[in-house]
Amino acid sequence: MFHSKLFVKTFLIIFFLTLAFAIASYLLITSAVDDVVSNIEEDSSKTVLNNVHQLVSQIEREIRGYRQTAIESRQRELRNIIAMSKGVIEMVLTECIF
């Protein structure tokens, strides 16, 4: 039975058709999977980039707020120093006049 020409021809035809189908399926599936993986990686990288952008924007707002607070604090300190200096100068001038 395994040595008949009809069996061998049929078996070889089925074998090569199965082999060709397997190769074609492999090529189609790997390209499709590669496309899906590329899309997933691109979406993931966009999400990461968006998160980084949001964090940087938040840090920038915090730095601007801190800078504004620091400037206002320094201005108050300078106003106090000027007011104290003015008081000392006025005191010295009033002592010199009398």
N, C-alpha and C. Protein backbone atom coordinates (compact mmCIF):
# COMPACT_ATOMS: atom_id res chain seq x y z
N MET A 1 0.81 -1.18 0.00
CA MET A 1 0.00 0.00 0.00
C MET A 1 0.87 1.25 0.00
N PHE A 2 1.92 1.32 0.83
CA PHE A 2 2.75 2.52 0.90
C PHE A 2 3.69 2.61 -0.30
N HIS A 3 3.77 1.56 -1.09
CA HIS A 3 4.66 1.56 -2.23
C HIS A 3 3.94 1.79 -3.55
N SER A 4 2.66 1.97 -3.51
CA SER A 4 1.95 2.17 -4.76
C SER A 4 2.20 3.59 -5.26
N LYS A 5 2.25 3.75 -6.58
CA LYS A 5 2.55 5.05 -7.18
C LYS A 5 1.43 6.06 -6.89
N LEU A 6 0.22 5.62 -6.87
CA LEU A 6 -0.91 6.50 -6.61
C LEU A 6 -0.84 7.07 -5.19
N PHE A 7 -0.49 6.21 -4.23
CA PHE A 7 -0.36 6.66 -2.84
C PHE A 7 0.77 7.66 -2.71
N VAL A 8 1.92 7.37 -3.31
CA VAL A 8 3.08 8.25 -3.21
C VAL A 8 2.77 9.59 -3.85
N LYS A 9 2.15 9.59 -5.05
CA LYS A 9 1.81 10.84 -5.71
C LYS A 9 0.81 11.64 -4.87
N THR A 10 -0.21 11.00 -4.37
CA THR A 10 -1.21 11.67 -3.55
C THR A 10 -0.59 12.22 -2.27
N PHE A 11 0.24 11.39 -1.65
CA PHE A 11 0.90 11.82 -0.42
C PHE A 11 1.81 13.01 -0.68
N LEU A 12 2.59 12.98 -1.76
CA LEU A 12 3.49 14.09 -2.07
C LEU A 12 2.71 15.36 -2.40
N ILE A 13 1.64 15.22 -3.13
CA ILE A 13 0.82 16.39 -3.46
C ILE A 13 0.25 17.01 -2.18
N ILE A 14 -0.32 16.18 -1.32
CA ILE A 14 -0.88 16.67 -0.06
C ILE A 14 0.23 17.27 0.81
N PHE A 15 1.39 16.61 0.85
CA PHE A 15 2.52 17.09 1.66
C PHE A 15 2.98 18.45 1.18
N PHE A 16 3.19 18.60 -0.15
CA PHE A 16 3.68 19.88 -0.67
C PHE A 16 2.62 20.98 -0.59
N LEU A 17 1.36 20.63 -0.76
CA LEU A 17 0.31 21.63 -0.58
C LEU A 17 0.25 22.09 0.88
N THR A 18 0.37 21.14 1.79
CA THR A 18 0.38 21.49 3.21
C THR A 18 1.61 22.34 3.54
N LEU A 19 2.75 21.97 2.97
CA LEU A 19 3.98 22.74 3.19
C LEU A 19 3.84 24.15 2.62
N ALA A 20 3.30 24.27 1.41
CA ALA A 20 3.11 25.58 0.79
C ALA A 20 2.11 26.41 1.61
N PHE A 21 1.04 25.80 2.08
CA PHE A 21 0.06 26.50 2.92
C PHE A 21 0.71 26.96 4.22
N ALA A 22 1.54 26.11 4.81
CA ALA A 22 2.20 26.47 6.06
C ALA A 22 3.17 27.64 5.85
N ILE A 23 3.92 27.60 4.75
CA ILE A 23 4.87 28.69 4.47
C ILE A 23 4.11 29.99 4.20
N ALA A 24 3.05 29.90 3.39
CA ALA A 24 2.26 31.10 3.10
C ALA A 24 1.62 31.66 4.37
N SER A 25 1.08 30.77 5.20
CA SER A 25 0.49 31.21 6.46
C SER A 25 1.53 31.87 7.35
N TYR A 26 2.70 31.28 7.42
CA TYR A 26 3.78 31.84 8.24
C TYR A 26 4.14 33.24 7.76
N LEU A 27 4.31 33.41 6.46
CA LEU A 27 4.68 34.72 5.92
C LEU A 27 3.59 35.76 6.15
N LEU A 28 2.34 35.37 5.94
CA LEU A 28 1.24 36.31 6.14
C LEU A 28 1.05 36.65 7.61
N ILE A 29 1.13 35.64 8.45
CA ILE A 29 0.91 35.87 9.88
C ILE A 29 2.04 36.69 10.49
N THR A 30 3.28 36.40 10.11
CA THR A 30 4.39 37.17 10.69
C THR A 30 4.35 38.62 10.26
N SER A 31 3.96 38.90 9.02
CA SER A 31 3.86 40.30 8.60
C SER A 31 2.70 40.99 9.33
N ALA A 32 1.59 40.27 9.49
CA ALA A 32 0.45 40.86 10.21
C ALA A 32 0.80 41.11 11.67
N VAL A 33 1.46 40.15 12.30
CA VAL A 33 1.85 40.31 13.70
C VAL A 33 2.86 41.44 13.83
N ASP A 34 3.77 41.55 12.87
CA ASP A 34 4.75 42.63 12.90
C ASP A 34 4.07 43.98 12.81
N ASP A 35 3.06 44.09 11.94
CA ASP A 35 2.31 45.35 11.84
C ASP A 35 1.58 45.67 13.13
N VAL A 36 0.95 44.68 13.73
CA VAL A 36 0.22 44.89 14.99
C VAL A 36 1.18 45.31 16.10
N VAL A 37 2.32 44.63 16.17
CA VAL A 37 3.31 44.97 17.20
C VAL A 37 3.84 46.38 16.98
N SER A 38 4.09 46.74 15.73
CA SER A 38 4.57 48.10 15.44
C SER A 38 3.53 49.14 15.87
N ASN A 39 2.26 48.88 15.59
CA ASN A 39 1.21 49.82 16.00
C ASN A 39 1.11 49.92 17.52
N ILE A 40 1.22 48.80 18.20
CA ILE A 40 1.17 48.81 19.66
C ILE A 40 2.36 49.58 20.23
N GLU A 41 3.55 49.36 19.68
CA GLU A 41 4.74 50.07 20.15
C GLU A 41 4.62 51.56 19.89
N GLU A 42 4.06 51.93 18.73
CA GLU A 42 3.90 53.34 18.41
C GLU A 42 2.91 54.00 19.36
N ASP A 43 1.79 53.32 19.63
CA ASP A 43 0.82 53.85 20.58
C ASP A 43 1.42 53.98 21.97
N SER A 44 2.18 52.99 22.36
CA SER A 44 2.82 53.02 23.68
C SER A 44 3.82 54.17 23.76
N SER A 45 4.61 54.36 22.71
CA SER A 45 5.59 55.45 22.74
C SER A 45 4.90 56.81 22.73
N LYS A 46 3.76 56.91 22.03
CA LYS A 46 3.01 58.17 22.06
C LYS A 46 2.47 58.44 23.45
N THR A 47 2.00 57.40 24.12
CA THR A 47 1.49 57.56 25.48
C THR A 47 2.60 58.00 26.43
N VAL A 48 3.76 57.38 26.31
CA VAL A 48 4.90 57.74 27.16
C VAL A 48 5.31 59.18 26.88
N LEU A 49 5.39 59.55 25.61
CA LEU A 49 5.77 60.91 25.25
C LEU A 49 4.76 61.92 25.78
N ASN A 50 3.48 61.59 25.70
CA ASN A 50 2.44 62.47 26.22
C ASN A 50 2.58 62.63 27.74
N ASN A 51 2.85 61.52 28.44
CA ASN A 51 3.04 61.59 29.89
C ASN A 51 4.24 62.44 30.24
N VAL A 52 5.34 62.28 29.51
CA VAL A 52 6.53 63.09 29.76
C VAL A 52 6.23 64.56 29.52
N HIS A 53 5.50 64.85 28.45
CA HIS A 53 5.14 66.24 28.15
C HIS A 53 4.30 66.84 29.27
N GLN A 54 3.34 66.08 29.77
CA GLN A 54 2.51 66.58 30.87
C GLN A 54 3.34 66.82 32.12
N LEU A 55 4.27 65.90 32.42
CA LEU A 55 5.12 66.09 33.61
C LEU A 55 6.00 67.32 33.46
N VAL A 56 6.57 67.50 32.29
CA VAL A 56 7.44 68.66 32.07
C VAL A 56 6.62 69.95 32.16
N SER A 57 5.41 69.93 31.61
CA SER A 57 4.56 71.12 31.70
C SER A 57 4.21 71.43 33.15
N GLN A 58 3.91 70.40 33.93
CA GLN A 58 3.59 70.60 35.34
C GLN A 58 4.80 71.15 36.10
N ILE A 59 5.97 70.59 35.83
CA ILE A 59 7.18 71.08 36.50
C ILE A 59 7.46 72.52 36.11
N GLU A 60 7.24 72.85 34.83
CA GLU A 60 7.45 74.23 34.38
C GLU A 60 6.52 75.19 35.13
N ARG A 61 5.24 74.81 35.28
CA ARG A 61 4.30 75.66 36.02
C ARG A 61 4.74 75.82 37.47
N GLU A 62 5.22 74.72 38.08
CA GLU A 62 5.68 74.80 39.46
C GLU A 62 6.91 75.71 39.58
N ILE A 63 7.81 75.61 38.63
CA ILE A 63 9.02 76.46 38.66
C ILE A 63 8.64 77.93 38.49
N ARG A 64 7.70 78.20 37.58
CA ARG A 64 7.26 79.60 37.40
C ARG A 64 6.60 80.12 38.67
N GLY A 65 5.79 79.29 39.31
CA GLY A 65 5.16 79.71 40.57
C GLY A 65 6.19 79.96 41.66
N TYR A 66 7.18 79.06 41.76
CA TYR A 66 8.23 79.25 42.76
C TYR A 66 9.03 80.51 42.47
N ARG A 67 9.33 80.73 41.20
CA ARG A 67 10.10 81.91 40.83
C ARG A 67 9.34 83.18 41.21
N GLN A 68 8.04 83.19 40.91
CA GLN A 68 7.23 84.36 41.24
C GLN A 68 7.19 84.58 42.75
N THR A 69 7.03 83.50 43.50
CA THR A 69 7.02 83.60 44.96
C THR A 69 8.37 84.10 45.48
N ALA A 70 9.45 83.59 44.91
CA ALA A 70 10.79 84.01 45.34
C ALA A 70 11.01 85.49 45.03
N ILE A 71 10.56 85.93 43.86
CA ILE A 71 10.72 87.35 43.50
C ILE A 71 9.93 88.23 44.45
N GLU A 72 8.69 87.86 44.74
CA GLU A 72 7.86 88.65 45.66
C GLU A 72 8.48 88.68 47.05
N SER A 73 9.01 87.55 47.49
CA SER A 73 9.64 87.51 48.82
C SER A 73 10.87 88.41 48.85
N ARG A 74 11.67 88.36 47.82
CA ARG A 74 12.88 89.20 47.76
C ARG A 74 12.50 90.68 47.71
N GLN A 75 11.43 91.00 46.98
CA GLN A 75 10.98 92.39 46.93
C GLN A 75 10.55 92.87 48.30
N ARG A 76 9.83 92.01 49.05
CA ARG A 76 9.44 92.40 50.42
C ARG A 76 10.67 92.63 51.29
N GLU A 77 11.66 91.74 51.16
CA GLU A 77 12.89 91.90 51.95
C GLU A 77 13.58 93.22 51.61
N LEU A 78 13.66 93.52 50.32
CA LEU A 78 14.32 94.77 49.92
C LEU A 78 13.53 95.99 50.38
N ARG A 79 12.19 95.91 50.34
CA ARG A 79 11.38 97.03 50.83
C ARG A 79 11.60 97.23 52.33
N ASN A 80 11.70 96.14 53.08
CA ASN A 80 11.96 96.24 54.51
C ASN A 80 13.34 96.85 54.77
N ILE A 81 14.32 96.42 54.00
CA ILE A 81 15.67 96.97 54.17
C ILE A 81 15.68 98.46 53.85
N ILE A 82 14.98 98.84 52.77
CA ILE A 82 14.92 100.25 52.41
C ILE A 82 14.18 101.05 53.48
N ALA A 83 13.10 100.48 54.00
CA ALA A 83 12.34 101.19 55.05
C ALA A 83 13.20 101.35 56.30
N MET A 84 13.95 100.31 56.67
CA MET A 84 14.84 100.42 57.83
C MET A 84 15.94 101.44 57.57
N SER A 85 16.50 101.42 56.36
CA SER A 85 17.56 102.38 56.03
C SER A 85 17.02 103.81 56.07
N LYS A 86 15.80 103.97 55.55
CA LYS A 86 15.18 105.30 55.56
C LYS A 86 14.97 105.77 57.00
N GLY A 87 14.52 104.84 57.84
CA GLY A 87 14.32 105.21 59.25
C GLY A 87 15.63 105.59 59.92
N VAL A 88 16.69 104.83 59.65
CA VAL A 88 18.00 105.14 60.25
C VAL A 88 18.49 106.50 59.74
N ILE A 89 18.36 106.73 58.44
CA ILE A 89 18.82 108.00 57.86
C ILE A 89 18.02 109.16 58.45
N GLU A 90 16.71 109.01 58.57
CA GLU A 90 15.88 110.08 59.14
C GLU A 90 16.26 110.33 60.60
N MET A 91 16.55 109.23 61.32
CA MET A 91 16.94 109.38 62.73
C MET A 91 18.27 110.13 62.85
N VAL A 92 19.21 109.76 61.96
CA VAL A 92 20.51 110.43 62.00
C VAL A 92 20.35 111.89 61.62
N LEU A 93 19.56 112.15 60.62
CA LEU A 93 19.34 113.56 60.18
C LEU A 93 18.66 114.38 61.28
N THR A 94 17.66 113.79 61.95
CA THR A 94 16.99 114.55 63.00
C THR A 94 17.93 114.80 64.18
N GLU A 95 18.83 113.86 64.46
CA GLU A 95 19.79 114.07 65.54
C GLU A 95 20.82 115.13 65.18
N CYS A 96 21.17 115.17 63.91
CA CYS A 96 22.15 116.15 63.46
C CYS A 96 21.56 117.56 63.44
N ILE A 97 20.31 117.66 63.15
CA ILE A 97 19.67 118.96 63.05
C ILE A 97 19.47 119.52 64.45
N PHE A 98 19.15 118.72 65.41
CA PHE A 98 18.91 119.22 66.77
C PHE A 98 20.15 119.16 67.52
